[in-house]
């Protein structure tokens, strides 16, 4: 996989601030767990947080 600094990007529209300096991309890995309802989502979220996991809540 090429580094983000090696990827040719399209030109930025006029008036933008330009591209960020350096490489701000950070590889991340995640798992999506489907639960039946909001109470189950909250319970699982709290359980994973208690284990020291970094969590984000997603609703679709």
PDB file of N, CA and C in Angstrom:
ATOM      1  N   UNK A   1       0.855  -1.170   0.000  1.00  0.00           N
ATOM      2  CA  UNK A   1       0.000   0.000   0.000  1.00  0.00           C
ATOM      3  C   UNK A   1       0.904   1.238   0.000  1.00  0.00           C
ATOM      4  N   UNK A   2       0.675   2.170  -0.913  1.00  0.00           N
ATOM      5  CA  UNK A   2       1.515   3.367  -0.961  1.00  0.00           C
ATOM      6  C   UNK A   2       1.222   4.295   0.219  1.00  0.00           C
ATOM      7  N   UNK A   3       2.211   5.085   0.609  1.00  0.00           N
ATOM      8  CA  UNK A   3       2.008   6.092   1.646  1.00  0.00           C
ATOM      9  C   UNK A   3       1.114   7.186   1.086  1.00  0.00           C
ATOM     10  N   UNK A   4       0.360   7.839   1.972  1.00  0.00           N
ATOM     11  CA  UNK A   4      -0.564   8.879   1.503  1.00  0.00           C
ATOM     12  C   UNK A   4       0.182  10.003   0.793  1.00  0.00           C
ATOM     13  N   UNK A   5       1.442  10.233   1.166  1.00  0.00           N
ATOM     14  CA  UNK A   5       2.215  11.297   0.512  1.00  0.00           C
ATOM     15  C   UNK A   5       2.620  10.917  -0.909  1.00  0.00           C
ATOM     16  N   UNK A   6       2.484   9.629  -1.259  1.00  0.00           N
ATOM     17  CA  UNK A   6       2.857   9.153  -2.589  1.00  0.00           C
ATOM     18  C   UNK A   6       1.666   9.105  -3.547  1.00  0.00           C
ATOM     19  N   UNK A   7       0.461   9.360  -3.056  1.00  0.00           N
ATOM     20  CA  UNK A   7      -0.741   9.270  -3.880  1.00  0.00           C
ATOM     21  C   UNK A   7      -0.982  10.612  -4.563  1.00  0.00           C
ATOM     22  N   UNK A   8      -1.153  10.587  -5.874  1.00  0.00           N
ATOM     23  CA  UNK A   8      -1.459  11.810  -6.613  1.00  0.00           C
ATOM     24  C   UNK A   8      -2.919  12.186  -6.388  1.00  0.00           C
ATOM     25  N   UNK A   9      -3.143  13.358  -5.810  1.00  0.00           N
ATOM     26  CA  UNK A   9      -4.496  13.814  -5.517  1.00  0.00           C
ATOM     27  C   UNK A   9      -4.939  14.828  -6.563  1.00  0.00           C
ATOM     28  N   UNK A  10      -6.247  14.961  -6.774  1.00  0.00           N
ATOM     29  CA  UNK A  10      -6.732  15.971  -7.721  1.00  0.00           C
ATOM     30  C   UNK A  10      -6.449  17.367  -7.161  1.00  0.00           C
ATOM     31  N   UNK A  11      -6.431  18.388  -8.012  1.00  0.00           N
ATOM     32  CA  UNK A  11      -6.178  19.743  -7.520  1.00  0.00           C
ATOM     33  C   UNK A  11      -7.295  20.207  -6.585  1.00  0.00           C
ATOM     34  N   UNK A  12      -6.926  21.044  -5.612  1.00  0.00           N
ATOM     35  CA  UNK A  12      -7.906  21.576  -4.672  1.00  0.00           C
ATOM     36  C   UNK A  12      -8.687  22.715  -5.327  1.00  0.00           C
ATOM     37  N   UNK A  13      -9.951  22.885  -4.953  1.00  0.00           N
ATOM     38  CA  UNK A  13     -10.739  23.990  -5.512  1.00  0.00           C
ATOM     39  C   UNK A  13     -10.155  25.336  -5.086  1.00  0.00           C
ATOM     40  N   UNK A  14     -10.394  26.372  -5.864  1.00  0.00           N
ATOM     41  CA  UNK A  14      -9.907  27.705  -5.493  1.00  0.00           C
ATOM     42  C   UNK A  14     -10.470  28.133  -4.131  1.00  0.00           C
ATOM     43  N   UNK A  15      -9.656  28.822  -3.349  1.00  0.00           N
ATOM     44  CA  UNK A  15     -10.102  29.333  -2.056  1.00  0.00           C
ATOM     45  C   UNK A  15      -9.891  28.387  -0.890  1.00  0.00           C
ATOM     46  N   UNK A  16      -9.424  27.163  -1.144  1.00  0.00           N
ATOM     47  CA  UNK A  16      -9.174  26.248  -0.028  1.00  0.00           C
ATOM     48  C   UNK A  16      -7.829  26.585   0.608  1.00  0.00           C
ATOM     49  N   UNK A  17      -7.609  26.064   1.779  1.00  0.00           N
ATOM     50  CA  UNK A  17      -6.408  26.386   2.550  1.00  0.00           C
ATOM     51  C   UNK A  17      -5.189  25.572   2.125  1.00  0.00           C
ATOM     52  N   UNK A  18      -5.360  24.626   1.237  1.00  0.00           N
ATOM     53  CA  UNK A  18      -4.239  23.791   0.824  1.00  0.00           C
ATOM     54  C   UNK A  18      -4.242  22.474   1.567  1.00  0.00           C
ATOM     55  N   UNK A  19      -3.368  21.588   1.170  1.00  0.00           N
ATOM     56  CA  UNK A  19      -3.355  20.278   1.816  1.00  0.00           C
ATOM     57  C   UNK A  19      -2.564  20.358   3.122  1.00  0.00           C
ATOM     58  N   UNK A  20      -2.923  19.525   4.103  1.00  0.00           N
ATOM     59  CA  UNK A  20      -2.244  19.543   5.397  1.00  0.00           C
ATOM     60  C   UNK A  20      -0.769  19.190   5.256  1.00  0.00           C
ATOM     61  N   UNK A  21       0.029  19.719   6.132  1.00  0.00           N
ATOM     62  CA  UNK A  21       1.463  19.420   6.139  1.00  0.00           C
ATOM     63  C   UNK A  21       1.690  18.035   6.736  1.00  0.00           C
ATOM     64  N   UNK A  22       2.636  17.314   6.199  1.00  0.00           N
ATOM     65  CA  UNK A  22       2.999  16.010   6.754  1.00  0.00           C
ATOM     66  C   UNK A  22       1.975  14.946   6.447  1.00  0.00           C
ATOM     67  N   UNK A  23       2.123  13.833   7.113  1.00  0.00           N
ATOM     68  CA  UNK A  23       1.238  12.684   6.926  1.00  0.00           C
ATOM     69  C   UNK A  23       0.401  12.506   8.178  1.00  0.00           C
ATOM     70  N   UNK A  24      -0.873  12.911   8.110  1.00  0.00           N
ATOM     71  CA  UNK A  24      -1.735  12.801   9.287  1.00  0.00           C
ATOM     72  C   UNK A  24      -2.551  11.515   9.273  1.00  0.00           C
ATOM     73  N   UNK A  25      -2.366  10.663   8.288  1.00  0.00           N
ATOM     74  CA  UNK A  25      -3.094   9.399   8.221  1.00  0.00           C
ATOM     75  C   UNK A  25      -2.556   8.444   9.269  1.00  0.00           C
ATOM     76  N   UNK A  26      -3.443   7.797  10.001  1.00  0.00           N
ATOM     77  CA  UNK A  26      -3.048   6.815  10.994  1.00  0.00           C
ATOM     78  C   UNK A  26      -3.879   5.560  10.744  1.00  0.00           C
ATOM     79  N   UNK A  27      -3.214   4.433  10.542  1.00  0.00           N
ATOM     80  CA  UNK A  27      -3.952   3.188  10.326  1.00  0.00           C
ATOM     81  C   UNK A  27      -4.760   2.855  11.563  1.00  0.00           C
ATOM     82  N   UNK A  28      -5.990   2.418  11.329  1.00  0.00           N
ATOM     83  CA  UNK A  28      -6.862   2.009  12.415  1.00  0.00           C
ATOM     84  C   UNK A  28      -7.557   0.715  12.015  1.00  0.00           C
ATOM     85  N   UNK A  29      -7.905  -0.055  12.986  1.00  0.00           N
ATOM     86  CA  UNK A  29      -8.626  -1.302  12.755  1.00  0.00           C
ATOM     87  C   UNK A  29      -9.828  -1.319  13.676  1.00  0.00           C
ATOM     88  N   UNK A  30     -10.944  -1.825  13.215  1.00  0.00           N
ATOM     89  CA  UNK A  30     -12.143  -1.833  14.038  1.00  0.00           C
ATOM     90  C   UNK A  30     -13.034  -3.013  13.734  1.00  0.00           C
ATOM     91  N   UNK A  31     -14.033  -3.153  14.563  1.00  0.00           N
ATOM     92  CA  UNK A  31     -15.025  -4.219  14.419  1.00  0.00           C
ATOM     93  C   UNK A  31     -16.390  -3.581  14.616  1.00  0.00           C
ATOM     94  N   UNK A  32     -17.334  -3.922  13.773  1.00  0.00           N
ATOM     95  CA  UNK A  32     -18.715  -3.463  13.949  1.00  0.00           C
ATOM     96  C   UNK A  32     -19.519  -4.638  14.481  1.00  0.00           C
ATOM     97  N   UNK A  33     -20.214  -4.403  15.587  1.00  0.00           N
ATOM     98  CA  UNK A  33     -21.047  -5.437  16.197  1.00  0.00           C
ATOM     99  C   UNK A  33     -22.491  -4.988  16.087  1.00  0.00           C
ATOM    100  N   UNK A  34     -23.332  -5.784  15.462  1.00  0.00           N
ATOM    101  CA  UNK A  34     -24.758  -5.458  15.326  1.00  0.00           C
ATOM    102  C   UNK A  34     -25.507  -5.977  16.546  1.00  0.00           C
ATOM    103  N   UNK A  35     -26.316  -5.110  17.136  1.00  0.00           N
ATOM    104  CA  UNK A  35     -27.112  -5.476  18.309  1.00  0.00           C
ATOM    105  C   UNK A  35     -28.580  -5.207  17.999  1.00  0.00           C
ATOM    106  N   UNK A  36     -29.493  -5.848  18.727  1.00  0.00           N
ATOM    107  CA  UNK A  36     -30.909  -5.749  18.365  1.00  0.00           C
ATOM    108  C   UNK A  36     -31.577  -4.409  18.668  1.00  0.00           C
ATOM    109  N   UNK A  37     -31.047  -3.653  19.654  1.00  0.00           N
ATOM    110  CA  UNK A  37     -31.724  -2.413  20.021  1.00  0.00           C
ATOM    111  C   UNK A  37     -30.783  -1.483  20.793  1.00  0.00           C
ATOM    112  N   UNK A  38     -31.288  -0.292  21.116  1.00  0.00           N
ATOM    113  CA  UNK A  38     -30.465   0.717  21.788  1.00  0.00           C
ATOM    114  C   UNK A  38     -30.006   0.293  23.185  1.00  0.00           C
ATOM    115  N   UNK A  39     -30.879  -0.337  24.007  1.00  0.00           N
ATOM    116  CA  UNK A  39     -30.389  -0.786  25.320  1.00  0.00           C
ATOM    117  C   UNK A  39     -29.232  -1.786  25.213  1.00  0.00           C
ATOM    118  N   UNK A  40     -29.289  -2.686  24.232  1.00  0.00           N
ATOM    119  CA  UNK A  40     -28.198  -3.641  24.036  1.00  0.00           C
ATOM    120  C   UNK A  40     -26.940  -2.919  23.569  1.00  0.00           C
ATOM    121  N   UNK A  41     -27.115  -1.897  22.729  1.00  0.00           N
ATOM    122  CA  UNK A  41     -25.973  -1.105  22.264  1.00  0.00           C
ATOM    123  C   UNK A  41     -25.304  -0.419  23.451  1.00  0.00           C
ATOM    124  N   UNK A  42     -26.109   0.183  24.307  1.00  0.00           N
ATOM    125  CA  UNK A  42     -25.565   0.890  25.473  1.00  0.00           C
ATOM    126  C   UNK A  42     -24.844  -0.084  26.405  1.00  0.00           C
ATOM    127  N   UNK A  43     -25.441  -1.241  26.648  1.00  0.00           N
ATOM    128  CA  UNK A  43     -24.829  -2.229  27.541  1.00  0.00           C
ATOM    129  C   UNK A  43     -23.488  -2.706  26.990  1.00  0.00           C
ATOM    130  N   UNK A  44     -23.439  -3.000  25.692  1.00  0.00           N
ATOM    131  CA  UNK A  44     -22.194  -3.464  25.083  1.00  0.00           C
ATOM    132  C   UNK A  44     -21.142  -2.367  25.093  1.00  0.00           C
ATOM    133  N   UNK A  45     -21.557  -1.137  24.794  1.00  0.00           N
ATOM    134  CA  UNK A  45     -20.640  -0.006  24.816  1.00  0.00           C
ATOM    135  C   UNK A  45     -20.017   0.145  26.209  1.00  0.00           C
ATOM    136  N   UNK A  46     -20.847   0.121  27.243  1.00  0.00           N
ATOM    137  CA  UNK A  46     -20.352   0.272  28.618  1.00  0.00           C
ATOM    138  C   UNK A  46     -19.416  -0.871  29.005  1.00  0.00           C
ATOM    139  N   UNK A  47     -19.747  -2.083  28.576  1.00  0.00           N
ATOM    140  CA  UNK A  47     -18.900  -3.236  28.874  1.00  0.00           C
ATOM    141  C   UNK A  47     -17.523  -3.100  28.215  1.00  0.00           C
ATOM    142  N   UNK A  48     -17.504  -2.691  26.952  1.00  0.00           N
ATOM    143  CA  UNK A  48     -16.232  -2.542  26.245  1.00  0.00           C
ATOM    144  C   UNK A  48     -15.414  -1.382  26.823  1.00  0.00           C
ATOM    145  N   UNK A  49     -16.072  -0.278  27.169  1.00  0.00           N
ATOM    146  CA  UNK A  49     -15.371   0.850  27.797  1.00  0.00           C
ATOM    147  C   UNK A  49     -14.759   0.427  29.132  1.00  0.00           C
ATOM    148  N   UNK A  50     -15.477  -0.374  29.907  1.00  0.00           N
ATOM    149  CA  UNK A  50     -14.974  -0.853  31.195  1.00  0.00           C
ATOM    150  C   UNK A  50     -13.736  -1.732  31.017  1.00  0.00           C
ATOM    151  N   UNK A  51     -13.624  -2.375  29.850  1.00  0.00           N
ATOM    152  CA  UNK A  51     -12.448  -3.193  29.542  1.00  0.00           C
ATOM    153  C   UNK A  51     -11.284  -2.340  29.041  1.00  0.00           C
ATOM    154  N   UNK A  52     -11.505  -1.031  28.921  1.00  0.00           N
ATOM    155  CA  UNK A  52     -10.454  -0.136  28.450  1.00  0.00           C
ATOM    156  C   UNK A  52     -10.396   0.004  26.938  1.00  0.00           C
ATOM    157  N   UNK A  53     -11.441  -0.428  26.235  1.00  0.00           N
ATOM    158  CA  UNK A  53     -11.486  -0.323  24.771  1.00  0.00           C
ATOM    159  C   UNK A  53     -11.865   1.083  24.344  1.00  0.00           C
ATOM    160  N   UNK A  54     -11.332   1.532  23.222  1.00  0.00           N
ATOM    161  CA  UNK A  54     -11.717   2.818  22.636  1.00  0.00           C
ATOM    162  C   UNK A  54     -12.930   2.544  21.747  1.00  0.00           C
ATOM    163  N   UNK A  55     -14.061   3.150  22.081  1.00  0.00           N
ATOM    164  CA  UNK A  55     -15.316   2.843  21.384  1.00  0.00           C
ATOM    165  C   UNK A  55     -15.959   4.089  20.810  1.00  0.00           C
ATOM    166  N   UNK A  56     -16.733   3.892  19.763  1.00  0.00           N
ATOM    167  CA  UNK A  56     -17.561   4.933  19.170  1.00  0.00           C
ATOM    168  C   UNK A  56     -18.942   4.336  18.937  1.00  0.00           C
ATOM    169  N   UNK A  57     -19.965   5.146  19.176  1.00  0.00           N
ATOM    170  CA  UNK A  57     -21.342   4.705  18.963  1.00  0.00           C
ATOM    171  C   UNK A  57     -21.744   5.092  17.539  1.00  0.00           C
ATOM    172  N   UNK A  58     -22.384   4.163  16.824  1.00  0.00           N
ATOM    173  CA  UNK A  58     -22.839   4.390  15.457  1.00  0.00           C
ATOM    174  C   UNK A  58     -24.309   4.004  15.360  1.00  0.00           C
ATOM    175  N   UNK A  59     -25.103   4.887  14.754  1.00  0.00           N
ATOM    176  CA  UNK A  59     -26.508   4.589  14.479  1.00  0.00           C
ATOM    177  C   UNK A  59     -26.740   4.739  12.990  1.00  0.00           C
ATOM    178  N   UNK A  60     -27.398   3.755  12.379  1.00  0.00           N
ATOM    179  CA  UNK A  60     -27.702   3.853  10.952  1.00  0.00           C
ATOM    180  C   UNK A  60     -29.184   3.631  10.727  1.00  0.00           C
TER     181      UNK A  60
END
